[in-house]
Amino acid sequence: MSETKSNKIPLYAVIFTVAFKLLFLLTNYIQEDAFITWRVAQNLMDYGVIGFNGPVKISASTTHLYVFVSYLFNLIFGKENFIVPLLVFNSALFTIGSLFLSHLVLKNIWHKAIFIFLIGILPPAIKISILGMEYGILFFLEMTLLYYGFHKSKRWAQVIFPILILFTRIDTVIFLGIVFLVDLLWTKKIRWFYIWGGLAGIAATVAFNWLYFGEVVNNTIVAKKLAYSKDFTLAQNLEYFRLNFGNFWGMLKLPGDFNPLTVIILIFELLCFIYLIRQRNKRNVFLWMIFIYGWVKQLVFLSQKSLFDWYYWVPQVLLFVPVVIFVLEQKQKRNLWLSLLIVVYIVPMLAFQTIHSIATGNGEWNYRRTIGLFLNTYEKDKNQWIFLEPAGYVPYFSGLKTIDEVGLVDKKVQEEIKKDKPNFWISTVKNRKPKYLLSYDDLFTSKNSEYIKAHYRLIKEFRVKDHLKSNNKILEKIYLLKPSGTDYNLYQRID
């Protein structure tokens, strides 16, 4: 095989990996929060305003750059057809990012190809690619920064990519900071263009928030901190960490408080990392960057009690990189090591994610979406309000104006939480008088039942058990094995 053709093998691996992962689109597993971003993008189309409910400005999405990308895909493909092209785009960007990462840590062409595929089919990599969130773009930008900005020492990359990365998510300051510190300690030099890029990124993001929304940080951050804040002692914080690290540090969630598989993999990742960095290799600086970042990001977000899966996807992928490198570079019994990795870990993880995607896709797309579609048909006046949680599928497919219980898409909820957090829900209902209430609970038996009975009637019950059937017996078994979703009750105001 000629050198030119062999150099294209990693690129072929990118194409094959993307094509393979597109099979997961058949599961219809799309993250709830993606629909928040997409509704913001469509609100920009319809009203010329970055918001959620008509002409009211609000940073309801955590990511500005992805809002604009989603806006462009809506313009090009239309509201009815943009989702699949956007998911393909996300998957392609993530996989190209893994190509750049392979260039940083591997030399052998075939090792790069295998690395791209194995990394690409890890559970978090699949979720980054096809769940509709901004992390495909983010992973691409971060790996491109490392490749062009630090491996190739391109000054334009050191300036441009920090701006784009920070405009995607402000919490990426952690990644940019770790990269700067490791590079400084490694080279004993300050890359001033990178500093200017980072400062410009922070300035651009903060200025945009302030000038457009009148706030320093995204409303989503403020709302979540307010809604989920709890005062814990040190002992409670440590116990909280113990109960949750297993489900977010690893790639597999298991029932119970302790996840032994996570601990085993975590130790193996650490051992592989130590083994690799003991070798004198130029790539070590990048191994230090991604591994330290993985640990720091996990620790910071777990310590802040941020229990949203997507915060941990990129660190989970990066922490596993040393394992794949270690296996690929074994000079003796490499095929045995690779076979063990694939059979013992990769294939079970892929099977787990397949089952999880099918079951969760059923619970989200086939169940939760139907609530929005029902309301879309039932209520023709799209200026009516619904009060619910969460603000993804149902608002998107119903088209109704929305008040969410966290305050992500409506700031007035935050005012009620500040005044009286235990009673903010009923205060919001009394003050705002939304036409519809969607609740997990039976509101006629709640502590606010007297008021609810006087002003609302139950119009429909939505039950998970009604969506666990399929003509395909294998799918039905998966649905029953892992029921996904929550029972809801829908109420309509009667006065």
Protein backbone atom coordinates (compact mmCIF):
# COMPACT_ATOMS: atom_id res chain seq x y z
CA MET A 1 0.00 0.00 0.00
CA SER A 2 1.37 3.42 -0.96
CA GLU A 3 2.18 5.95 1.73
CA THR A 4 -0.51 8.35 0.45
CA LYS A 5 -3.20 5.71 0.67
CA SER A 6 -2.04 4.48 4.08
CA ASN A 7 -2.14 8.02 5.46
CA LYS A 8 -5.85 8.11 4.59
CA ILE A 9 -6.63 5.09 6.76
CA PRO A 10 -7.46 7.21 9.85
CA LEU A 11 -9.76 9.31 7.67
CA TYR A 12 -11.50 6.15 6.49
CA ALA A 13 -11.84 5.18 10.15
CA VAL A 14 -13.59 8.51 10.80
CA ILE A 15 -16.08 7.87 8.00
CA PHE A 16 -16.71 4.28 9.12
CA THR A 17 -17.12 5.30 12.77
CA VAL A 18 -19.60 8.06 11.93
CA ALA A 19 -21.59 5.69 9.70
CA PHE A 20 -21.60 3.03 12.45
CA LYS A 21 -22.81 5.45 15.10
CA LEU A 22 -25.61 6.76 12.89
CA LEU A 23 -27.37 3.46 13.57
CA PHE A 24 -28.11 4.91 17.00
CA LEU A 25 -30.32 7.54 15.36
CA LEU A 26 -32.83 4.72 14.92
CA THR A 27 -33.27 4.64 18.71
CA ASN A 28 -34.65 8.22 18.74
CA TYR A 29 -32.69 8.86 21.91
CA ILE A 30 -32.34 12.65 22.10
CA GLN A 31 -31.53 14.49 25.31
CA GLU A 32 -34.32 16.59 26.84
CA ASP A 33 -32.12 19.69 27.10
CA ALA A 34 -31.32 19.62 23.38
CA PHE A 35 -34.91 20.65 22.72
CA ILE A 36 -34.44 23.66 24.97
CA THR A 37 -31.54 24.84 22.80
CA TRP A 38 -33.47 24.09 19.61
CA ARG A 39 -36.53 26.01 20.82
CA VAL A 40 -34.27 28.97 21.63
CA ALA A 41 -32.88 28.75 18.08
CA GLN A 42 -36.39 28.67 16.63
CA ASN A 43 -37.46 31.55 18.86
CA LEU A 44 -34.60 33.52 17.28
CA MET A 45 -36.02 32.64 13.86
CA ASP A 46 -39.59 33.58 14.73
CA TYR A 47 -39.07 36.66 16.91
CA GLY A 48 -35.50 37.76 16.20
CA VAL A 49 -34.80 37.33 19.91
CA ILE A 50 -32.65 34.80 21.80
CA GLY A 51 -35.32 33.67 24.21
CA PHE A 52 -37.87 30.94 24.86
CA ASN A 53 -41.26 32.62 25.13
CA GLY A 54 -41.73 35.06 22.28
CA PRO A 55 -39.93 38.42 22.34
CA VAL A 56 -38.61 38.06 25.90
CA LYS A 57 -34.81 37.79 26.02
CA ILE A 58 -33.46 35.01 28.22
CA SER A 59 -30.37 32.77 28.06
CA ALA A 60 -32.42 29.61 28.48
CA SER A 61 -29.71 27.51 26.80
CA THR A 62 -26.32 26.86 28.38
CA THR A 63 -24.58 27.33 25.04
CA HIS A 64 -24.56 30.39 22.79
CA LEU A 65 -22.50 29.01 19.89
CA TYR A 66 -24.66 25.91 19.57
CA VAL A 67 -27.80 28.07 19.54
CA PHE A 68 -26.46 29.87 16.46
CA VAL A 69 -25.41 26.58 14.82
CA SER A 70 -28.91 25.16 15.49
CA TYR A 71 -30.40 28.37 14.09
CA LEU A 72 -28.44 27.90 10.85
CA PHE A 73 -29.54 24.27 10.53
CA ASN A 74 -33.16 25.33 11.04
CA LEU A 75 -32.78 27.96 8.33
CA ILE A 76 -31.18 25.53 5.87
CA PHE A 77 -33.27 22.38 6.47
CA GLY A 78 -36.44 23.80 8.03
CA LYS A 79 -37.99 23.18 11.45
CA GLU A 80 -39.34 19.79 10.45
CA ASN A 81 -36.12 18.36 9.01
CA PHE A 82 -33.10 19.88 10.75
CA ILE A 83 -32.61 17.36 13.58
CA VAL A 84 -31.07 14.44 11.68
CA PRO A 85 -28.62 16.62 9.67
CA LEU A 86 -27.57 18.36 12.89
CA LEU A 87 -27.00 15.05 14.70
CA VAL A 88 -24.92 13.79 11.76
CA PHE A 89 -22.93 17.04 11.93
CA ASN A 90 -22.36 16.61 15.68
CA SER A 91 -21.24 13.03 15.23
CA ALA A 92 -18.86 13.97 12.41
CA LEU A 93 -17.32 16.80 14.45
CA PHE A 94 -16.74 14.59 17.49
CA THR A 95 -15.10 11.90 15.35
CA ILE A 96 -12.88 14.42 13.57
CA GLY A 97 -11.91 15.63 17.05
CA SER A 98 -10.88 12.05 17.90
CA LEU A 99 -8.81 12.02 14.70
CA PHE A 100 -6.87 15.08 15.89
CA LEU A 101 -6.48 13.45 19.30
CA SER A 102 -5.08 10.31 17.66
CA HIS A 103 -2.48 12.46 15.87
CA LEU A 104 -1.40 13.84 19.25
CA VAL A 105 -0.95 10.53 21.05
CA LEU A 106 -0.17 7.89 18.40
CA LYS A 107 2.21 7.44 15.45
CA ASN A 108 1.18 4.17 13.85
CA ILE A 109 -1.50 4.66 11.14
CA TRP A 110 -3.45 1.51 12.04
CA HIS A 111 -3.27 2.31 15.73
CA LYS A 112 -4.87 5.66 14.96
CA ALA A 113 -7.67 4.01 12.99
CA ILE A 114 -8.44 1.50 15.75
CA PHE A 115 -8.20 4.27 18.37
CA ILE A 116 -10.75 6.42 16.49
CA PHE A 117 -13.25 3.57 16.29
CA LEU A 118 -12.83 2.27 19.85
CA ILE A 119 -13.04 5.76 21.38
CA GLY A 120 -15.99 6.57 19.11
CA ILE A 121 -18.16 3.69 20.31
CA LEU A 122 -17.69 4.28 24.04
CA PRO A 123 -21.03 5.15 25.70
CA PRO A 124 -20.18 8.83 26.37
CA ALA A 125 -18.86 9.22 22.81
CA ILE A 126 -22.12 7.86 21.40
CA LYS A 127 -24.12 10.21 23.62
CA ILE A 128 -21.96 13.19 22.64
CA SER A 129 -22.58 12.34 19.00
CA ILE A 130 -26.29 11.61 18.76
CA LEU A 131 -28.10 13.10 21.77
CA GLY A 132 -28.28 16.58 20.26
CA MET A 133 -26.20 18.42 22.86
CA GLU A 134 -23.33 20.83 22.18
CA TYR A 135 -20.52 18.46 23.19
CA GLY A 136 -19.75 17.22 19.68
CA ILE A 137 -18.84 20.76 18.70
CA LEU A 138 -17.05 21.33 21.99
CA PHE A 139 -14.91 18.18 21.74
CA PHE A 140 -13.98 19.11 18.18
CA LEU A 141 -12.96 22.64 19.18
CA GLU A 142 -10.92 21.46 22.18
CA MET A 143 -9.03 18.76 20.27
CA THR A 144 -8.47 21.11 17.32
CA LEU A 145 -7.01 23.67 19.73
CA LEU A 146 -4.57 21.09 21.08
CA TYR A 147 -3.60 19.89 17.61
CA TYR A 148 -3.17 23.20 15.80
CA GLY A 149 -2.54 25.53 18.73
CA PHE A 150 -0.09 23.41 20.73
CA HIS A 151 1.12 20.57 18.52
CA LYS A 152 1.52 22.71 15.40
CA SER A 153 2.05 25.95 17.40
CA LYS A 154 -0.28 27.93 15.16
CA ARG A 155 -0.86 31.35 16.74
CA TRP A 156 -4.16 31.87 14.94
CA ALA A 157 -5.47 28.68 16.58
CA GLN A 158 -4.31 29.87 20.02
CA VAL A 159 -6.46 32.98 19.59
CA ILE A 160 -9.53 31.76 17.71
CA PHE A 161 -10.31 28.46 19.43
CA PRO A 162 -10.40 29.73 23.04
CA ILE A 163 -12.98 32.31 21.92
CA LEU A 164 -15.15 29.68 20.22
CA ILE A 165 -14.74 27.23 23.11
CA LEU A 166 -15.76 29.76 25.76
CA PHE A 167 -18.66 30.97 23.63
CA THR A 168 -19.84 27.36 23.52
CA ARG A 169 -19.70 26.86 27.30
CA ILE A 170 -18.31 29.24 29.89
CA ASP A 171 -17.27 26.36 32.20
CA THR A 172 -14.65 25.38 29.61
CA VAL A 173 -12.42 27.87 31.40
CA ILE A 174 -11.41 24.75 33.38
CA PHE A 175 -10.12 23.04 30.23
CA LEU A 176 -8.36 26.14 28.95
CA GLY A 177 -6.78 26.77 32.34
CA ILE A 178 -5.45 23.22 32.71
CA VAL A 179 -3.99 23.33 29.18
CA PHE A 180 -2.24 26.63 29.95
CA LEU A 181 -0.74 25.42 33.24
CA VAL A 182 0.50 22.10 31.86
CA ASP A 183 2.00 23.79 28.80
CA LEU A 184 3.68 26.42 31.00
CA LEU A 185 5.24 23.79 33.26
CA TRP A 186 6.27 21.67 30.26
CA THR A 187 7.78 24.34 28.01
CA LYS A 188 8.71 26.96 30.63
CA LYS A 189 7.31 29.51 28.19
CA ILE A 190 4.19 31.67 28.14
CA ARG A 191 2.15 31.52 24.94
CA TRP A 192 0.92 35.11 24.91
CA PHE A 193 -1.34 34.61 21.92
CA TYR A 194 -3.14 31.89 23.90
CA ILE A 195 -3.56 34.24 26.84
CA TRP A 196 -4.98 36.92 24.54
CA GLY A 197 -7.31 34.34 23.05
CA GLY A 198 -8.51 33.24 26.46
CA LEU A 199 -9.02 36.80 27.67
CA ALA A 200 -10.83 37.67 24.44
CA GLY A 201 -13.06 34.60 24.87
CA ILE A 202 -13.99 35.52 28.43
CA ALA A 203 -14.54 39.16 27.46
CA ALA A 204 -16.66 38.26 24.44
CA THR A 205 -18.86 35.83 26.38
CA VAL A 206 -19.34 38.09 29.40
CA ALA A 207 -19.90 41.15 27.18
CA PHE A 208 -22.48 39.29 25.11
CA ASN A 209 -24.30 38.16 28.25
CA TRP A 210 -24.24 41.65 29.74
CA LEU A 211 -25.09 43.66 26.64
CA TYR A 212 -27.78 41.30 25.35
CA PHE A 213 -29.26 39.71 28.46
CA GLY A 214 -28.19 42.13 31.19
CA GLU A 215 -26.41 39.39 33.13
CA VAL A 216 -22.80 38.26 33.63
CA VAL A 217 -23.35 34.50 33.44
CA ASN A 218 -26.02 32.47 31.67
CA ASN A 219 -29.42 32.38 33.31
CA THR A 220 -29.27 28.58 33.32
CA ILE A 221 -26.33 28.62 35.73
CA VAL A 222 -28.04 31.08 38.07
CA ALA A 223 -31.32 29.16 37.96
CA LYS A 224 -29.79 25.75 38.67
CA LYS A 225 -27.67 27.09 41.51
CA LEU A 226 -30.74 28.72 43.08
CA ALA A 227 -33.07 25.77 42.60
CA TYR A 228 -30.67 22.99 43.61
CA SER A 229 -28.62 24.71 46.31
CA LYS A 230 -28.34 22.93 49.66
CA ASP A 231 -26.34 23.72 52.77
CA PHE A 232 -24.24 20.65 53.59
CA THR A 233 -21.69 20.02 56.31
CA LEU A 234 -18.27 18.65 55.35
CA ALA A 235 -19.36 15.14 56.40
CA GLN A 236 -22.51 15.43 54.29
CA ASN A 237 -20.51 16.64 51.31
CA LEU A 238 -18.14 13.67 51.56
CA GLU A 239 -21.05 11.26 51.87
CA TYR A 240 -22.75 12.91 48.89
CA PHE A 241 -19.60 12.47 46.83
CA ARG A 242 -19.31 8.81 47.84
CA LEU A 243 -22.90 8.12 46.83
CA ASN A 244 -22.59 9.74 43.41
CA PHE A 245 -19.04 9.50 42.06
CA GLY A 246 -19.53 5.94 40.80
CA ASN A 247 -22.42 6.92 38.56
CA PHE A 248 -20.71 9.88 36.95
CA TRP A 249 -17.00 9.06 36.97
CA GLY A 250 -17.46 5.81 35.10
CA MET A 251 -19.31 5.00 31.89
CA LEU A 252 -21.87 2.64 33.39
CA LYS A 253 -24.60 3.47 35.88
CA LEU A 254 -25.51 0.64 38.21
CA PRO A 255 -28.19 0.50 40.91
CA GLY A 256 -26.98 1.15 44.42
CA ASP A 257 -24.56 3.51 46.12
CA PHE A 258 -21.31 1.80 45.19
CA ASN A 259 -20.18 1.02 41.66
CA PRO A 260 -17.24 -1.42 41.82
CA LEU A 261 -16.77 -1.42 38.04
CA THR A 262 -16.09 2.32 38.13
CA VAL A 263 -13.39 1.87 40.76
CA ILE A 264 -11.71 -0.94 38.81
CA ILE A 265 -11.70 1.06 35.56
CA LEU A 266 -10.55 4.19 37.37
CA ILE A 267 -7.57 2.34 38.84
CA PHE A 268 -6.73 0.76 35.47
CA GLU A 269 -6.93 4.17 33.76
CA LEU A 270 -4.54 5.59 36.34
CA LEU A 271 -2.10 2.69 36.00
CA CYS A 272 -2.10 2.98 32.20
CA PHE A 273 -1.51 6.73 32.47
CA ILE A 274 1.45 6.23 34.83
CA TYR A 275 2.90 3.54 32.55
CA LEU A 276 2.69 5.83 29.50
CA ILE A 277 4.11 9.00 31.03
CA ARG A 278 7.14 7.11 32.39
CA GLN A 279 8.21 6.78 28.76
CA ARG A 280 10.01 9.79 27.38
CA ASN A 281 7.71 10.93 24.64
CA LYS A 282 6.66 14.27 23.20
CA ARG A 283 3.03 13.25 23.47
CA ASN A 284 3.24 13.17 27.27
CA VAL A 285 2.33 16.84 27.53
CA PHE A 286 -1.02 16.09 25.88
CA LEU A 287 -1.58 13.05 28.09
CA TRP A 288 -1.02 15.26 31.13
CA MET A 289 -3.42 17.87 29.74
CA ILE A 290 -6.34 15.55 29.05
CA PHE A 291 -5.87 13.37 32.13
CA ILE A 292 -5.57 16.22 34.63
CA TYR A 293 -8.50 17.96 32.98
CA GLY A 294 -10.60 14.78 33.28
CA TRP A 295 -9.92 14.52 36.99
CA VAL A 296 -10.35 18.22 37.75
CA LYS A 297 -13.58 18.57 35.77
CA GLN A 298 -15.09 15.55 37.53
CA LEU A 299 -14.03 16.72 40.98
CA VAL A 300 -15.22 20.30 40.50
CA PHE A 301 -18.63 19.38 39.16
CA LEU A 302 -19.27 16.55 41.63
CA SER A 303 -18.24 18.82 44.50
CA GLN A 304 -20.78 21.35 43.23
CA LYS A 305 -23.42 18.60 43.14
CA SER A 306 -23.92 18.92 39.40
CA LEU A 307 -25.65 15.61 38.72
CA PHE A 308 -26.33 16.03 35.03
CA ASP A 309 -24.83 13.27 32.90
CA TRP A 310 -23.62 15.48 30.06
CA TYR A 311 -21.15 17.40 32.23
CA TYR A 312 -19.10 14.19 32.51
CA TRP A 313 -19.15 12.85 28.95
CA VAL A 314 -15.95 14.50 27.67
CA PRO A 315 -13.92 13.73 30.85
CA GLN A 316 -15.09 10.10 30.71
CA VAL A 317 -13.79 9.79 27.14
CA LEU A 318 -10.48 11.51 27.84
CA LEU A 319 -9.75 9.52 31.00
CA PHE A 320 -10.11 6.30 28.99
CA VAL A 321 -7.62 7.39 26.31
CA PRO A 322 -4.53 6.01 28.16
CA VAL A 323 -6.18 2.58 28.34
CA VAL A 324 -6.62 2.38 24.57
CA ILE A 325 -3.08 3.65 23.93
CA PHE A 326 -1.62 1.18 26.43
CA VAL A 327 -3.36 -1.77 24.77
CA LEU A 328 -2.50 -0.72 21.21
CA GLU A 329 1.18 -0.25 21.96
CA GLN A 330 1.83 -3.57 23.68
CA LYS A 331 4.75 -5.17 21.86
CA GLN A 332 4.05 -8.63 23.24
CA LYS A 333 0.63 -10.28 23.09
CA ARG A 334 -0.92 -7.10 21.67
CA ASN A 335 -3.69 -9.08 19.98
CA LEU A 336 -4.53 -10.74 23.29
CA TRP A 337 -4.68 -7.40 25.08
CA LEU A 338 -6.79 -5.88 22.33
CA SER A 339 -9.12 -8.86 22.26
CA LEU A 340 -9.56 -8.70 26.03
CA LEU A 341 -10.27 -4.97 25.89
CA ILE A 342 -12.87 -5.41 23.17
CA VAL A 343 -14.54 -8.55 24.53
CA VAL A 344 -14.41 -7.72 28.24
CA TYR A 345 -15.12 -3.98 28.10
CA ILE A 346 -15.87 -2.37 24.73
CA VAL A 347 -18.52 -4.85 23.55
CA PRO A 348 -20.36 -4.98 26.92
CA MET A 349 -20.29 -1.16 27.08
CA LEU A 350 -21.62 -0.95 23.51
CA ALA A 351 -24.35 -3.48 24.32
CA PHE A 352 -25.27 -1.57 27.46
CA GLN A 353 -25.47 1.72 25.56
CA THR A 354 -27.55 0.12 22.82
CA ILE A 355 -30.10 -1.19 25.31
CA HIS A 356 -30.02 2.11 27.20
CA SER A 357 -30.53 4.14 24.01
CA ILE A 358 -33.42 1.98 22.82
CA ALA A 359 -35.17 2.06 26.19
CA THR A 360 -34.57 5.77 26.85
CA GLY A 361 -35.45 6.68 23.28
CA ASN A 362 -38.77 4.94 23.79
CA GLY A 363 -39.35 6.79 27.06
CA GLU A 364 -38.44 10.17 25.57
CA TRP A 365 -39.50 10.13 21.92
CA ASN A 366 -42.35 7.61 21.99
CA TYR A 367 -43.71 8.69 25.37
CA ARG A 368 -42.75 12.18 26.54
CA ARG A 369 -43.01 13.61 23.03
CA THR A 370 -46.61 12.37 22.78
CA ILE A 371 -47.55 14.68 25.66
CA GLY A 372 -46.34 17.65 23.65
CA LEU A 373 -48.06 16.40 20.50
CA PHE A 374 -51.32 15.93 22.42
CA LEU A 375 -51.17 19.48 23.72
CA ASN A 376 -50.26 20.81 20.30
CA THR A 377 -53.51 19.39 18.93
CA TYR A 378 -55.61 20.06 22.04
CA GLU A 379 -54.64 23.74 22.52
CA LYS A 380 -54.60 25.84 19.36
CA ASP A 381 -53.80 29.11 21.13
CA LYS A 382 -50.01 29.05 21.44
CA ASN A 383 -50.06 32.10 23.73
CA GLN A 384 -51.39 29.96 26.57
CA TRP A 385 -49.00 28.94 29.36
CA ILE A 386 -48.03 25.60 30.82
CA PHE A 387 -46.21 25.10 34.13
CA LEU A 388 -44.04 21.97 34.24
CA GLU A 389 -40.62 20.39 34.64
CA PRO A 390 -38.53 19.76 32.58
CA ALA A 391 -38.80 22.26 29.72
CA GLY A 392 -37.63 20.14 26.80
CA TYR A 393 -39.89 17.78 24.87
CA VAL A 394 -43.32 19.02 25.98
CA PRO A 395 -42.81 22.76 25.34
CA TYR A 396 -41.01 22.04 22.05
CA PHE A 397 -43.71 19.81 20.59
CA SER A 398 -46.69 21.63 22.13
CA GLY A 399 -45.58 25.12 21.10
CA LEU A 400 -47.06 26.56 24.31
CA LYS A 401 -45.49 29.34 26.33
CA THR A 402 -43.69 27.76 29.25
CA ILE A 403 -42.92 28.26 32.91
CA ASP A 404 -40.48 25.65 34.23
CA GLU A 405 -40.02 24.80 37.90
CA VAL A 406 -36.27 25.52 37.86
CA GLY A 407 -36.55 28.90 36.17
CA LEU A 408 -34.41 28.04 33.15
CA VAL A 409 -36.89 29.52 30.68
CA ASP A 410 -38.77 31.94 32.94
CA LYS A 411 -37.01 34.22 35.44
CA LYS A 412 -40.14 35.00 37.46
CA VAL A 413 -39.92 31.53 39.00
CA GLN A 414 -36.56 32.49 40.45
CA GLU A 415 -38.18 35.48 42.16
CA GLU A 416 -40.71 33.15 43.80
CA ILE A 417 -37.94 30.79 44.91
CA LYS A 418 -36.04 33.68 46.50
CA LYS A 419 -39.13 34.86 48.37
CA ASP A 420 -40.33 31.47 49.65
CA LYS A 421 -38.58 28.39 48.28
CA PRO A 422 -40.78 25.75 50.01
CA ASN A 423 -43.93 27.32 48.56
CA PHE A 424 -42.68 28.75 45.27
CA TRP A 425 -44.67 26.27 43.18
CA ILE A 426 -48.13 27.15 44.49
CA SER A 427 -47.21 30.85 44.62
CA THR A 428 -46.35 30.68 40.91
CA VAL A 429 -49.64 28.95 40.12
CA LYS A 430 -51.67 31.53 42.07
CA ASN A 431 -49.84 34.54 40.66
CA ARG A 432 -49.38 33.45 37.05
CA LYS A 433 -52.55 31.34 36.63
CA PRO A 434 -51.15 29.12 33.83
CA LYS A 435 -53.84 27.39 31.78
CA TYR A 436 -52.08 24.02 32.08
CA LEU A 437 -50.21 22.21 34.82
CA LEU A 438 -48.17 19.10 34.08
CA SER A 439 -47.09 17.29 37.22
CA TYR A 440 -45.49 14.04 38.33
CA ASP A 441 -47.86 14.04 41.31
CA ASP A 442 -51.57 13.71 41.88
CA LEU A 443 -52.24 17.37 42.66
CA PHE A 444 -55.72 16.59 44.01
CA THR A 445 -54.09 14.79 46.95
CA SER A 446 -51.20 17.24 47.46
CA LYS A 447 -50.89 19.84 50.22
CA ASN A 448 -52.26 22.40 47.75
CA SER A 449 -55.21 20.20 46.76
CA GLU A 450 -57.89 22.65 47.93
CA TYR A 451 -56.72 25.39 45.59
CA ILE A 452 -56.04 23.00 42.70
CA LYS A 453 -59.49 21.38 42.95
CA ALA A 454 -61.12 24.80 42.94
CA HIS A 455 -59.31 26.07 39.85
CA TYR A 456 -58.17 23.07 37.77
CA ARG A 457 -59.52 19.84 36.36
CA LEU A 458 -57.62 16.70 35.37
CA ILE A 459 -57.87 16.27 31.61
CA LYS A 460 -55.46 13.41 30.93
CA GLU A 461 -53.16 10.92 32.63
CA PHE A 462 -49.97 9.87 30.90
CA ARG A 463 -48.51 6.58 32.07
CA VAL A 464 -45.17 4.95 31.22
CA LYS A 465 -46.70 1.47 31.33
CA ASP A 466 -48.85 2.33 28.31
CA HIS A 467 -45.71 2.77 26.17
CA LEU A 468 -43.89 -0.46 26.98
CA LYS A 469 -45.37 -2.45 24.11
CA SER A 470 -44.03 -3.15 20.64
CA ASN A 471 -44.78 -5.46 17.76
CA ASN A 472 -41.09 -6.30 17.84
CA LYS A 473 -40.71 -8.74 20.74
CA ILE A 474 -37.02 -7.91 21.26
CA LEU A 475 -37.80 -4.19 21.58
CA GLU A 476 -40.66 -4.96 23.95
CA LYS A 477 -38.33 -7.00 26.19
CA ILE A 478 -35.88 -4.08 26.27
CA TYR A 479 -38.68 -1.64 27.14
CA LEU A 480 -39.80 -3.90 29.99
CA LEU A 481 -36.22 -4.51 31.13
CA LYS A 482 -35.51 -0.80 31.48
CA PRO A 483 -38.72 1.26 31.64
CA SER A 484 -37.87 4.89 30.95
CA GLY A 485 -39.94 7.95 31.73
CA THR A 486 -42.16 9.35 34.46
CA ASP A 487 -45.91 9.23 34.97
CA TYR A 488 -47.61 12.60 34.42
CA ASN A 489 -50.96 14.20 35.15
CA LEU A 490 -52.21 17.07 32.98
CA TYR A 491 -54.52 19.69 34.47
CA GLN A 492 -56.43 22.53 32.81
CA ARG A 493 -57.60 25.73 34.47
CA ILE A 494 -61.39 26.01 34.73
CA ASP A 495 -61.78 29.70 35.59
